[in-house]
Every structure is written in structure tokens, then in C-alpha cells.
Amino acid sequence: MEKYIVKHVCCRLAESGMKIPAEIVSYLGDETAASAPYLHIELEIRADIVEYIDRLSRQAETHGSLWVGELIMNYSNSRRQITNAYSFFGYRWLRINYFFDIDNLRGSSNFSTDHVSLPVGRNVATADIDALTDEGYGDPEAAT
């Protein structure tokens, strides 16, 4: 799974104009490599989205959602290259955060073993979820 995520991250970075370091390309072809160089990847459970999906599923049929965060990149004029980048993407309640840092060759992830304990994050308060679901978001009757 990690190599699939790394490939997605590299495609996103390359589409934004960044040259992918050769060490990352080599990592993708190396079955014994422990983690992707220059990348820190963290899986996270989004508690607010879990709650929102649960509320919507009581009102109407829900489907998966795929979402992508804004890509933030820092360019060094003196080095004439992108030195770091951050973004995330997710499916339903699972968020995948990633950070690229050209100055940190040693990569890492929080899902390199068979048993993974994921952090839980939240951006939206329960009261705001209540307001959204009370306003009929996800309710087909409210859209008519």
C-alpha cells in the first residue's frame, strides 16, 4: 500500500512542476526498501467525517467520497528547487497526510507494520455537524 501512496504523491508533485528525486524512483522499484526517501506519510482517521457520514447515512444512502487537499510547496531561490511540499488526500474517513522534505533523506510512515495505531483528528465540531445535517445536506427531500 505504501508504494501505491508514494506513487500517487510523486505524480501529484510532478504535475505541479517538481522533479522527483532519483532515490524515490529507485525506492518504487526496490522490493526490500523500508520507506520512501524524503517523504513522511501518515494515515489518520477523521472523527468528524466518521460522524458526518454516520449522520448522513441515517437520512439517505451515502457513497464514498474521495478528496484532495491543497498542495503547498516551498521553493528555494538560492537552491533553485522545491525544498518541501505538503498536502493530503482521503477516502471517506481515512486521511493520508504527506510531507516532502529534500533535506531529510530518511523517509517514514506510520503504517509500516501489520498492526497500525492511527491518530484521530477532527476539524469540525459536533455542533457544526448537527447544523449541516439539520439543514438537509445529504437529504434528497431537502434538495427538491
N, C-alpha and C. Protein backbone atom coordinates (compact mmCIF):
# COMPACT_ATOMS: atom_id res chain seq x y z
N MET A 1 0.82 -1.19 0.00
CA MET A 1 0.00 0.00 0.00
C MET A 1 0.87 1.26 0.00
N GLU A 2 1.98 1.21 0.74
CA GLU A 2 2.82 2.40 0.84
C GLU A 2 3.34 2.84 -0.53
N LYS A 3 3.75 1.90 -1.35
CA LYS A 3 4.28 2.27 -2.67
C LYS A 3 3.19 2.87 -3.56
N TYR A 4 1.97 2.38 -3.44
CA TYR A 4 0.86 2.98 -4.18
C TYR A 4 0.68 4.44 -3.77
N ILE A 5 0.72 4.70 -2.46
CA ILE A 5 0.56 6.08 -1.97
C ILE A 5 1.74 6.94 -2.43
N VAL A 6 2.95 6.41 -2.34
CA VAL A 6 4.13 7.16 -2.78
C VAL A 6 4.02 7.51 -4.26
N LYS A 7 3.58 6.56 -5.06
CA LYS A 7 3.42 6.82 -6.49
C LYS A 7 2.39 7.94 -6.72
N HIS A 8 1.28 7.89 -6.02
CA HIS A 8 0.27 8.95 -6.14
C HIS A 8 0.86 10.30 -5.75
N VAL A 9 1.57 10.34 -4.63
CA VAL A 9 2.18 11.58 -4.17
C VAL A 9 3.17 12.11 -5.21
N CYS A 10 4.01 11.24 -5.75
CA CYS A 10 5.00 11.66 -6.75
C CYS A 10 4.33 12.19 -8.01
N CYS A 11 3.26 11.55 -8.44
CA CYS A 11 2.53 12.05 -9.62
C CYS A 11 1.98 13.44 -9.35
N ARG A 12 1.43 13.64 -8.16
CA ARG A 12 0.89 14.96 -7.82
C ARG A 12 1.99 16.02 -7.77
N LEU A 13 3.14 15.67 -7.20
CA LEU A 13 4.26 16.61 -7.14
C LEU A 13 4.79 16.92 -8.54
N ALA A 14 4.92 15.89 -9.37
CA ALA A 14 5.43 16.08 -10.74
C ALA A 14 4.47 16.93 -11.57
N GLU A 15 3.18 16.71 -11.41
CA GLU A 15 2.19 17.52 -12.13
C GLU A 15 2.28 18.99 -11.75
N SER A 16 2.80 19.26 -10.56
CA SER A 16 2.95 20.64 -10.09
C SER A 16 4.32 21.22 -10.42
N GLY A 17 5.12 20.49 -11.20
CA GLY A 17 6.39 21.03 -11.67
C GLY A 17 7.62 20.58 -10.91
N MET A 18 7.48 19.69 -9.97
CA MET A 18 8.63 19.25 -9.20
C MET A 18 9.32 18.06 -9.87
N LYS A 19 10.64 18.10 -9.88
CA LYS A 19 11.41 16.95 -10.37
C LYS A 19 11.54 15.96 -9.21
N ILE A 20 11.10 14.73 -9.45
CA ILE A 20 11.13 13.70 -8.41
C ILE A 20 12.57 13.17 -8.28
N PRO A 21 13.12 13.18 -7.06
CA PRO A 21 14.49 12.70 -6.87
C PRO A 21 14.65 11.23 -7.28
N ALA A 22 15.81 10.91 -7.81
CA ALA A 22 16.10 9.55 -8.28
C ALA A 22 15.96 8.52 -7.15
N GLU A 23 16.25 8.91 -5.92
CA GLU A 23 16.14 7.98 -4.79
C GLU A 23 14.70 7.49 -4.59
N ILE A 24 13.74 8.37 -4.84
CA ILE A 24 12.33 7.94 -4.71
C ILE A 24 11.95 7.01 -5.84
N VAL A 25 12.40 7.32 -7.05
CA VAL A 25 12.12 6.45 -8.20
C VAL A 25 12.72 5.07 -7.96
N SER A 26 13.94 5.02 -7.44
CA SER A 26 14.59 3.73 -7.13
C SER A 26 13.82 2.98 -6.06
N TYR A 27 13.33 3.70 -5.05
CA TYR A 27 12.54 3.08 -3.98
C TYR A 27 11.32 2.35 -4.56
N LEU A 28 10.65 2.95 -5.52
CA LEU A 28 9.45 2.34 -6.09
C LEU A 28 9.74 0.99 -6.74
N GLY A 29 10.95 0.80 -7.26
CA GLY A 29 11.31 -0.46 -7.89
C GLY A 29 12.02 -1.45 -6.98
N ASP A 30 12.28 -1.05 -5.74
CA ASP A 30 13.04 -1.89 -4.81
C ASP A 30 12.08 -2.56 -3.81
N GLU A 31 11.94 -3.86 -3.92
CA GLU A 31 11.01 -4.59 -3.05
C GLU A 31 11.48 -4.68 -1.60
N THR A 32 12.75 -4.39 -1.35
CA THR A 32 13.28 -4.51 0.01
C THR A 32 13.38 -3.17 0.74
N ALA A 33 13.11 -2.07 0.06
CA ALA A 33 13.23 -0.74 0.68
C ALA A 33 12.22 -0.57 1.81
N ALA A 34 12.67 -0.01 2.92
CA ALA A 34 11.82 0.14 4.10
C ALA A 34 10.82 1.29 3.97
N SER A 35 11.26 2.45 3.53
CA SER A 35 10.35 3.59 3.38
C SER A 35 10.89 4.53 2.30
N ALA A 36 10.00 5.35 1.79
CA ALA A 36 10.36 6.25 0.69
C ALA A 36 11.23 7.38 1.19
N PRO A 37 12.36 7.62 0.54
CA PRO A 37 13.21 8.74 0.95
C PRO A 37 12.50 10.07 0.77
N TYR A 38 12.81 11.01 1.62
CA TYR A 38 12.31 12.39 1.58
C TYR A 38 10.83 12.54 1.94
N LEU A 39 10.10 11.46 2.12
CA LEU A 39 8.66 11.55 2.37
C LEU A 39 8.29 11.06 3.76
N HIS A 40 7.47 11.83 4.44
CA HIS A 40 6.84 11.39 5.68
C HIS A 40 5.36 11.25 5.35
N ILE A 41 4.82 10.05 5.56
CA ILE A 41 3.42 9.77 5.23
C ILE A 41 2.73 9.28 6.49
N GLU A 42 1.55 9.84 6.75
CA GLU A 42 0.81 9.46 7.95
C GLU A 42 -0.65 9.23 7.61
N LEU A 43 -1.17 8.06 7.98
CA LEU A 43 -2.59 7.78 7.86
C LEU A 43 -3.28 8.31 9.11
N GLU A 44 -4.49 8.81 8.95
CA GLU A 44 -5.22 9.41 10.06
C GLU A 44 -6.71 9.14 9.90
N ILE A 45 -7.38 8.84 10.99
CA ILE A 45 -8.83 8.70 10.98
C ILE A 45 -9.43 10.07 11.26
N ARG A 46 -10.37 10.50 10.42
CA ARG A 46 -11.04 11.79 10.61
C ARG A 46 -12.35 11.56 11.36
N ALA A 47 -12.34 11.80 12.66
CA ALA A 47 -13.51 11.56 13.50
C ALA A 47 -14.70 12.41 13.08
N ASP A 48 -14.44 13.63 12.63
CA ASP A 48 -15.55 14.49 12.21
C ASP A 48 -16.24 13.93 10.97
N ILE A 49 -15.48 13.35 10.07
CA ILE A 49 -16.07 12.78 8.86
C ILE A 49 -16.79 11.48 9.18
N VAL A 50 -16.25 10.68 10.10
CA VAL A 50 -16.95 9.47 10.55
C VAL A 50 -18.33 9.86 11.07
N GLU A 51 -18.37 10.88 11.90
CA GLU A 51 -19.63 11.33 12.50
C GLU A 51 -20.58 11.88 11.43
N TYR A 52 -20.04 12.64 10.50
CA TYR A 52 -20.86 13.23 9.44
C TYR A 52 -21.45 12.13 8.54
N ILE A 53 -20.63 11.15 8.15
CA ILE A 53 -21.12 10.04 7.32
C ILE A 53 -22.19 9.26 8.07
N ASP A 54 -21.98 9.05 9.36
CA ASP A 54 -22.97 8.33 10.17
C ASP A 54 -24.30 9.08 10.18
N ARG A 55 -24.25 10.39 10.36
CA ARG A 55 -25.49 11.18 10.37
C ARG A 55 -26.18 11.15 9.02
N LEU A 56 -25.40 11.29 7.94
CA LEU A 56 -25.99 11.28 6.60
C LEU A 56 -26.59 9.92 6.27
N SER A 57 -25.95 8.86 6.72
CA SER A 57 -26.46 7.52 6.40
C SER A 57 -27.82 7.26 7.05
N ARG A 58 -28.14 7.99 8.10
CA ARG A 58 -29.46 7.86 8.72
C ARG A 58 -30.53 8.58 7.90
N GLN A 59 -30.11 9.59 7.10
CA GLN A 59 -31.05 10.37 6.31
C GLN A 59 -31.21 9.83 4.89
N ALA A 60 -30.14 9.30 4.34
CA ALA A 60 -30.18 8.86 2.94
C ALA A 60 -29.02 7.91 2.70
N GLU A 61 -29.05 7.27 1.55
CA GLU A 61 -27.95 6.40 1.17
C GLU A 61 -26.69 7.25 0.98
N THR A 62 -25.58 6.77 1.50
CA THR A 62 -24.33 7.51 1.34
C THR A 62 -23.37 6.69 0.49
N HIS A 63 -22.51 7.38 -0.18
CA HIS A 63 -21.50 6.77 -1.01
C HIS A 63 -20.14 7.27 -0.54
N GLY A 64 -19.10 6.64 -1.00
CA GLY A 64 -17.75 7.06 -0.64
C GLY A 64 -17.43 8.43 -1.21
N SER A 65 -16.50 9.06 -0.60
CA SER A 65 -16.05 10.36 -1.11
C SER A 65 -14.53 10.34 -1.19
N LEU A 66 -14.01 10.85 -2.26
CA LEU A 66 -12.57 10.97 -2.45
C LEU A 66 -12.26 12.45 -2.45
N TRP A 67 -11.29 12.88 -1.66
CA TRP A 67 -11.00 14.30 -1.54
C TRP A 67 -9.49 14.52 -1.52
N VAL A 68 -9.11 15.70 -2.01
CA VAL A 68 -7.69 16.06 -2.15
C VAL A 68 -7.49 17.45 -1.58
N GLY A 69 -6.46 17.59 -0.75
CA GLY A 69 -6.16 18.89 -0.16
C GLY A 69 -5.30 19.74 -1.08
N GLU A 70 -5.23 21.01 -0.76
CA GLU A 70 -4.39 21.94 -1.50
C GLU A 70 -2.93 21.55 -1.33
N LEU A 71 -2.16 21.64 -2.40
CA LEU A 71 -0.73 21.32 -2.35
C LEU A 71 0.04 22.60 -2.05
N ILE A 72 0.79 22.58 -0.97
CA ILE A 72 1.59 23.74 -0.56
C ILE A 72 3.06 23.38 -0.77
N MET A 73 3.75 24.19 -1.58
CA MET A 73 5.16 23.91 -1.89
C MET A 73 6.00 25.14 -1.58
N ASN A 74 7.21 24.89 -1.11
CA ASN A 74 8.17 25.97 -0.86
C ASN A 74 9.33 25.83 -1.84
N TYR A 75 9.64 26.94 -2.49
CA TYR A 75 10.71 26.97 -3.48
C TYR A 75 11.87 27.78 -2.92
N SER A 76 13.08 27.25 -3.03
CA SER A 76 14.28 27.95 -2.59
C SER A 76 14.92 28.62 -3.80
N ASN A 77 14.97 29.94 -3.78
CA ASN A 77 15.63 30.67 -4.88
C ASN A 77 17.11 30.37 -4.94
N SER A 78 17.75 30.26 -3.78
CA SER A 78 19.20 30.01 -3.77
C SER A 78 19.54 28.62 -4.29
N ARG A 79 18.69 27.65 -4.01
CA ARG A 79 18.94 26.28 -4.46
C ARG A 79 18.26 25.98 -5.80
N ARG A 80 17.38 26.87 -6.21
CA ARG A 80 16.65 26.75 -7.47
C ARG A 80 15.88 25.42 -7.56
N GLN A 81 15.19 25.10 -6.45
CA GLN A 81 14.40 23.88 -6.44
C GLN A 81 13.33 23.97 -5.35
N ILE A 82 12.34 23.11 -5.46
CA ILE A 82 11.33 22.98 -4.41
C ILE A 82 11.98 22.20 -3.28
N THR A 83 11.91 22.75 -2.08
CA THR A 83 12.58 22.12 -0.94
C THR A 83 11.63 21.30 -0.08
N ASN A 84 10.35 21.69 -0.04
CA ASN A 84 9.38 20.87 0.68
C ASN A 84 7.98 21.13 0.15
N ALA A 85 7.14 20.17 0.42
CA ALA A 85 5.75 20.25 -0.03
C ALA A 85 4.87 19.46 0.94
N TYR A 86 3.62 19.90 1.07
CA TYR A 86 2.69 19.25 1.98
C TYR A 86 1.30 19.21 1.35
N SER A 87 0.62 18.10 1.56
CA SER A 87 -0.79 18.01 1.19
C SER A 87 -1.38 16.76 1.81
N PHE A 88 -2.58 16.44 1.40
CA PHE A 88 -3.26 15.24 1.89
C PHE A 88 -4.31 14.83 0.88
N PHE A 89 -4.75 13.60 0.99
CA PHE A 89 -5.91 13.13 0.25
C PHE A 89 -6.60 12.09 1.11
N GLY A 90 -7.81 11.78 0.75
CA GLY A 90 -8.53 10.83 1.59
C GLY A 90 -9.67 10.17 0.88
N TYR A 91 -10.12 9.10 1.51
CA TYR A 91 -11.31 8.39 1.07
C TYR A 91 -12.19 8.18 2.29
N ARG A 92 -13.41 8.68 2.21
CA ARG A 92 -14.36 8.63 3.31
C ARG A 92 -13.70 9.20 4.57
N TRP A 93 -13.45 8.40 5.60
CA TRP A 93 -12.93 8.90 6.87
C TRP A 93 -11.42 8.73 7.02
N LEU A 94 -10.75 8.16 6.02
CA LEU A 94 -9.30 7.95 6.09
C LEU A 94 -8.57 9.07 5.37
N ARG A 95 -7.72 9.77 6.08
CA ARG A 95 -6.93 10.87 5.50
C ARG A 95 -5.47 10.43 5.43
N ILE A 96 -4.83 10.73 4.32
CA ILE A 96 -3.42 10.40 4.12
C ILE A 96 -2.66 11.72 3.98
N ASN A 97 -1.91 12.06 5.01
CA ASN A 97 -1.11 13.28 5.03
C ASN A 97 0.28 12.95 4.51
N TYR A 98 0.85 13.86 3.73
CA TYR A 98 2.23 13.63 3.30
C TYR A 98 3.02 14.94 3.28
N PHE A 99 4.31 14.78 3.60
CA PHE A 99 5.23 15.90 3.65
C PHE A 99 6.51 15.48 2.95
N PHE A 100 6.91 16.23 1.95
CA PHE A 100 8.16 16.01 1.23
C PHE A 100 9.18 17.02 1.74
N ASP A 101 10.38 16.55 2.09
CA ASP A 101 11.45 17.44 2.59
C ASP A 101 12.77 17.00 1.96
N ILE A 102 13.30 17.81 1.05
CA ILE A 102 14.53 17.47 0.33
C ILE A 102 15.73 17.37 1.27
N ASP A 103 15.64 17.97 2.46
CA ASP A 103 16.74 17.94 3.41
C ASP A 103 16.67 16.76 4.38
N ASN A 104 15.69 15.90 4.21
CA ASN A 104 15.55 14.74 5.10
C ASN A 104 15.46 13.47 4.26
N LEU A 105 16.61 12.89 3.95
CA LEU A 105 16.66 11.70 3.10
C LEU A 105 15.90 10.53 3.70
N ARG A 106 15.89 10.45 5.01
CA ARG A 106 15.22 9.32 5.67
C ARG A 106 13.71 9.55 5.70
N GLY A 107 12.98 8.74 4.99
CA GLY A 107 11.53 8.84 4.98
C GLY A 107 10.92 8.05 6.12
N SER A 108 9.62 8.22 6.31
CA SER A 108 8.93 7.48 7.37
C SER A 108 7.44 7.40 7.07
N SER A 109 6.79 6.46 7.74
CA SER A 109 5.34 6.36 7.68
C SER A 109 4.86 5.74 8.98
N ASN A 110 3.59 5.89 9.27
CA ASN A 110 3.04 5.30 10.49
C ASN A 110 2.28 4.01 10.21
N PHE A 111 2.52 3.41 9.03
CA PHE A 111 1.82 2.17 8.69
C PHE A 111 2.75 1.15 8.06
N SER A 112 3.93 1.03 8.62
CA SER A 112 4.93 0.11 8.05
C SER A 112 4.87 -1.29 8.66
N THR A 113 3.96 -1.52 9.59
CA THR A 113 3.82 -2.85 10.19
C THR A 113 2.41 -3.39 9.93
N ASP A 114 2.19 -4.64 10.29
CA ASP A 114 0.87 -5.24 10.09
C ASP A 114 -0.20 -4.66 11.00
N HIS A 115 0.18 -4.24 12.19
CA HIS A 115 -0.77 -3.66 13.14
C HIS A 115 -0.44 -2.18 13.29
N VAL A 116 -1.40 -1.33 13.00
CA VAL A 116 -1.15 0.11 12.97
C VAL A 116 -2.14 0.81 13.91
N SER A 117 -1.62 1.68 14.74
CA SER A 117 -2.45 2.53 15.60
C SER A 117 -2.50 3.91 14.97
N LEU A 118 -3.66 4.31 14.48
CA LEU A 118 -3.78 5.56 13.74
C LEU A 118 -4.21 6.72 14.64
N PRO A 119 -3.63 7.90 14.43
CA PRO A 119 -4.11 9.07 15.16
C PRO A 119 -5.51 9.44 14.68
N VAL A 120 -6.24 10.13 15.53
CA VAL A 120 -7.59 10.57 15.20
C VAL A 120 -7.60 12.09 15.21
N GLY A 121 -8.08 12.68 14.11
CA GLY A 121 -8.13 14.13 14.00
C GLY A 121 -9.56 14.60 13.80
N ARG A 122 -9.77 15.88 14.00
CA ARG A 122 -11.09 16.49 13.85
C ARG A 122 -10.91 17.97 13.53
N ASN A 123 -11.63 18.44 12.51
CA ASN A 123 -11.64 19.86 12.18
C ASN A 123 -13.00 20.49 12.42
N VAL A 124 -14.04 19.66 12.41
CA VAL A 124 -15.40 20.17 12.52
C VAL A 124 -16.01 19.69 13.83
N ALA A 125 -16.57 20.64 14.58
CA ALA A 125 -17.18 20.31 15.86
C ALA A 125 -18.52 19.61 15.65
N THR A 126 -18.92 18.82 16.65
CA THR A 126 -20.19 18.10 16.58
C THR A 126 -21.36 19.06 16.35
N ALA A 127 -21.35 20.21 16.98
CA ALA A 127 -22.44 21.18 16.79
C ALA A 127 -22.53 21.63 15.33
N ASP A 128 -21.39 21.78 14.66
CA ASP A 128 -21.41 22.16 13.25
C ASP A 128 -21.93 21.02 12.38
N ILE A 129 -21.61 19.79 12.73
CA ILE A 129 -22.14 18.64 12.00
C ILE A 129 -23.65 18.57 12.19
N ASP A 130 -24.11 18.84 13.42
CA ASP A 130 -25.56 18.88 13.68
C ASP A 130 -26.23 19.92 12.79
N ALA A 131 -25.61 21.10 12.68
CA ALA A 131 -26.19 22.16 11.85
C ALA A 131 -26.23 21.76 10.39
N LEU A 132 -25.18 21.14 9.89
CA LEU A 132 -25.15 20.71 8.49
C LEU A 132 -26.22 19.67 8.21
N THR A 133 -26.33 18.68 9.08
CA THR A 133 -27.31 17.62 8.83
C THR A 133 -28.73 18.12 9.06
N ASP A 134 -28.91 19.06 9.99
CA ASP A 134 -30.24 19.63 10.21
C ASP A 134 -30.70 20.47 9.02
N GLU A 135 -29.73 21.06 8.27
CA GLU A 135 -30.07 21.88 7.11
C GLU A 135 -30.38 21.02 5.89
N GLY A 136 -30.28 19.71 6.03
CA GLY A 136 -30.69 18.83 4.96
C GLY A 136 -29.61 18.39 4.02
N TYR A 137 -28.33 18.63 4.32
CA TYR A 137 -27.26 18.15 3.46
C TYR A 137 -27.32 16.63 3.43
N GLY A 138 -27.37 16.08 2.25
CA GLY A 138 -27.45 14.63 2.10
C GLY A 138 -28.87 14.12 2.09
N ASP A 139 -29.85 14.99 2.36
CA ASP A 139 -31.25 14.58 2.37
C ASP A 139 -31.87 14.88 1.01
N PRO A 140 -32.24 13.85 0.24
CA PRO A 140 -32.78 14.08 -1.11
C PRO A 140 -34.06 14.91 -1.10
N GLU A 141 -34.84 14.82 -0.02
CA GLU A 141 -36.09 15.60 0.07
C GLU A 141 -35.79 17.09 0.21
N ALA A 142 -34.69 17.43 0.88
CA ALA A 142 -34.34 18.84 1.09
C ALA A 142 -33.89 19.50 -0.20
N ALA A 143 -33.43 18.73 -1.18
CA ALA A 143 -32.93 19.29 -2.45
C ALA A 143 -34.06 19.64 -3.40
N THR A 144 -35.28 19.20 -3.11
CA THR A 144 -36.39 19.48 -4.05
C THR A 144 -37.14 20.71 -3.65
